[in-house]
Amino acid sequence: MGVLSRVSRLARHLDRARRSAFAAHGLEPWEFDVLAALRRSGPPYELSPRTLLAQTLVTSGTMTSRVDKLTARGLVTRRADEHDRRAVRVVLTEQGKSSVDAALESLLAHERSILANVAPDDQAMLANLLRALVLPFDDTAE
């Protein structure tokens, strides 16, 4: 119980740091998650809504609402799929790319600060131990 209690407590601290990093750039955590998925996809920074669903673990109705809100803010656009006129692609705009890049930089600074007192070898060991804990629940543990 001591191990998982500590993991739970750390998760709360990390969530606060994450929210703070994103808020500094006008983003909610869910907005960052969608924008980051598009950013990770590489140029031209676009994905199908189905792929975004799989990467963010939300329902199709939730994703539609999220894309609508991000579109209204100018962070993403929709465009017709070249290969299937019935389908759309969600595309990261330059403004969206700038926002997610700035928020990521803030998040990484928070993470470096949190890990500053942990030796690099201990960080590597901790990463491996946490990966082993997460693996049964998440196929993206890498």
Protein backbone atom coordinates (compact mmCIF):
# COMPACT_ATOMS: atom_id res chain seq x y z
CA MET A 1 0.00 0.00 0.00
CA GLY A 2 2.87 2.41 0.70
CA VAL A 3 4.14 2.25 -2.88
CA LEU A 4 0.81 2.91 -4.58
CA SER A 5 -0.12 5.60 -2.05
CA ARG A 6 3.09 7.41 -2.99
CA VAL A 7 2.38 6.94 -6.68
CA SER A 8 -1.12 8.35 -6.16
CA ARG A 9 0.21 11.34 -4.23
CA LEU A 10 2.84 11.98 -6.90
CA ALA A 11 0.15 11.76 -9.59
CA ARG A 12 -1.76 14.57 -7.89
CA HIS A 13 1.38 16.74 -7.80
CA LEU A 14 2.11 15.96 -11.45
CA ASP A 15 -1.46 16.78 -12.44
CA ARG A 16 -1.15 20.19 -10.75
CA ALA A 17 2.16 20.87 -12.52
CA ARG A 18 0.65 19.76 -15.83
CA ARG A 19 -2.41 21.99 -15.43
CA SER A 20 -0.20 24.93 -14.45
CA ALA A 21 2.08 24.47 -17.47
CA PHE A 22 -0.88 24.31 -19.85
CA ALA A 23 -2.82 27.18 -18.23
CA ALA A 24 0.21 29.44 -18.69
CA HIS A 25 -0.37 29.02 -22.43
CA GLY A 26 -4.16 29.20 -22.38
CA LEU A 27 -4.72 25.46 -22.73
CA GLU A 28 -6.75 22.92 -20.80
CA PRO A 29 -5.22 19.45 -20.35
CA TRP A 30 -7.66 17.91 -22.84
CA GLU A 31 -6.74 20.56 -25.42
CA PHE A 32 -3.06 19.80 -24.95
CA ASP A 33 -3.73 16.07 -25.36
CA VAL A 34 -5.42 16.53 -28.75
CA LEU A 35 -2.89 19.09 -29.99
CA ALA A 36 0.03 16.95 -28.79
CA ALA A 37 -1.35 13.90 -30.63
CA LEU A 38 -1.47 15.95 -33.83
CA ARG A 39 2.03 17.35 -33.19
CA ARG A 40 3.47 13.86 -32.60
CA SER A 41 2.06 12.72 -35.94
CA GLY A 42 4.69 14.80 -37.73
CA PRO A 43 4.24 16.94 -40.82
CA PRO A 44 1.64 17.72 -42.07
CA TYR A 45 0.35 17.37 -38.47
CA GLU A 46 -3.00 15.80 -39.27
CA LEU A 47 -4.91 12.73 -38.16
CA SER A 48 -8.29 11.17 -38.67
CA PRO A 49 -10.78 11.60 -35.84
CA ARG A 50 -10.65 7.81 -35.35
CA THR A 51 -6.88 7.94 -34.73
CA LEU A 52 -7.35 10.85 -32.32
CA LEU A 53 -9.96 8.77 -30.46
CA ALA A 54 -7.53 5.90 -30.08
CA GLN A 55 -4.73 8.17 -28.85
CA THR A 56 -6.78 10.21 -26.39
CA LEU A 57 -9.13 7.47 -25.14
CA VAL A 58 -12.38 9.44 -25.44
CA THR A 59 -15.70 8.71 -27.14
CA SER A 60 -16.50 9.85 -30.65
CA GLY A 61 -19.04 12.37 -29.34
CA THR A 62 -16.46 13.81 -26.96
CA MET A 63 -13.88 14.04 -29.74
CA THR A 64 -16.33 15.81 -32.05
CA SER A 65 -17.02 18.37 -29.33
CA ARG A 66 -13.31 18.82 -28.65
CA VAL A 67 -12.44 19.31 -32.31
CA ASP A 68 -15.31 21.82 -32.62
CA LYS A 69 -13.93 23.83 -29.68
CA LEU A 70 -10.35 23.69 -30.94
CA THR A 71 -11.54 24.76 -34.40
CA ALA A 72 -13.40 27.72 -32.91
CA ARG A 73 -10.17 28.78 -31.19
CA GLY A 74 -8.18 28.50 -34.42
CA LEU A 75 -5.95 25.72 -33.08
CA VAL A 76 -7.06 23.07 -35.60
CA THR A 77 -8.98 22.92 -38.85
CA ARG A 78 -10.89 20.17 -40.60
CA ARG A 79 -10.31 19.24 -44.20
CA ALA A 80 -11.77 16.60 -46.48
CA ASP A 81 -9.80 13.38 -46.75
CA GLU A 82 -8.26 13.12 -50.24
CA HIS A 83 -8.92 9.38 -50.42
CA ASP A 84 -12.42 9.27 -48.92
CA ARG A 85 -14.70 12.25 -49.48
CA ARG A 86 -16.95 11.10 -46.62
CA ALA A 87 -14.09 11.37 -44.12
CA VAL A 88 -12.31 14.37 -42.65
CA ARG A 89 -8.83 15.00 -41.32
CA VAL A 90 -8.09 17.15 -38.28
CA VAL A 91 -5.16 19.46 -39.03
CA LEU A 92 -2.99 21.36 -36.55
CA THR A 93 -2.80 25.07 -37.45
CA GLU A 94 0.32 27.20 -37.00
CA GLN A 95 -1.33 28.77 -33.95
CA GLY A 96 -2.07 25.29 -32.57
CA LYS A 97 1.51 24.19 -33.21
CA SER A 98 2.91 27.27 -31.45
CA SER A 99 0.57 26.75 -28.48
CA VAL A 100 1.34 23.07 -28.01
CA ASP A 101 5.10 23.63 -28.44
CA ALA A 102 5.13 26.40 -25.81
CA ALA A 103 3.00 24.36 -23.39
CA LEU A 104 5.26 21.33 -23.88
CA GLU A 105 8.34 23.41 -23.12
CA SER A 106 6.72 24.60 -19.88
CA LEU A 107 5.71 21.05 -18.99
CA LEU A 108 9.25 19.77 -19.56
CA ALA A 109 10.62 22.55 -17.35
CA HIS A 110 8.19 21.52 -14.58
CA GLU A 111 9.23 17.89 -14.99
CA ARG A 112 12.94 18.75 -14.85
CA SER A 113 12.28 20.68 -11.65
CA ILE A 114 10.38 17.76 -10.11
CA LEU A 115 13.19 15.33 -11.00
CA ALA A 116 16.07 17.65 -10.06
CA ASN A 117 16.78 15.83 -6.78
CA VAL A 118 16.74 12.35 -8.32
CA ALA A 119 20.00 11.03 -9.77
CA PRO A 120 19.92 10.04 -13.47
CA ASP A 121 20.50 6.35 -12.66
CA ASP A 122 17.63 6.44 -10.17
CA GLN A 123 15.42 8.13 -12.78
CA ALA A 124 16.17 5.33 -15.23
CA MET A 125 15.40 2.69 -12.59
CA LEU A 126 12.18 4.45 -11.62
CA ALA A 127 11.11 4.69 -15.27
CA ASN A 128 11.62 0.93 -15.68
CA LEU A 129 9.71 0.12 -12.49
CA LEU A 130 6.81 2.38 -13.42
CA ARG A 131 6.74 0.90 -16.93
CA ALA A 132 6.36 -2.56 -15.38
CA LEU A 133 3.45 -1.30 -13.26
CA VAL A 134 1.69 0.41 -16.18
CA LEU A 135 2.24 -2.27 -18.81
CA PRO A 136 -0.77 -4.47 -17.93
CA PHE A 137 -3.09 -1.44 -18.23
CA ASP A 138 -1.67 0.49 -21.14
CA ASP A 139 -0.29 -0.61 -24.48
CA THR A 140 1.58 2.72 -24.79
CA ALA A 141 3.80 2.23 -21.72
CA GLU A 142 6.93 2.80 -23.78
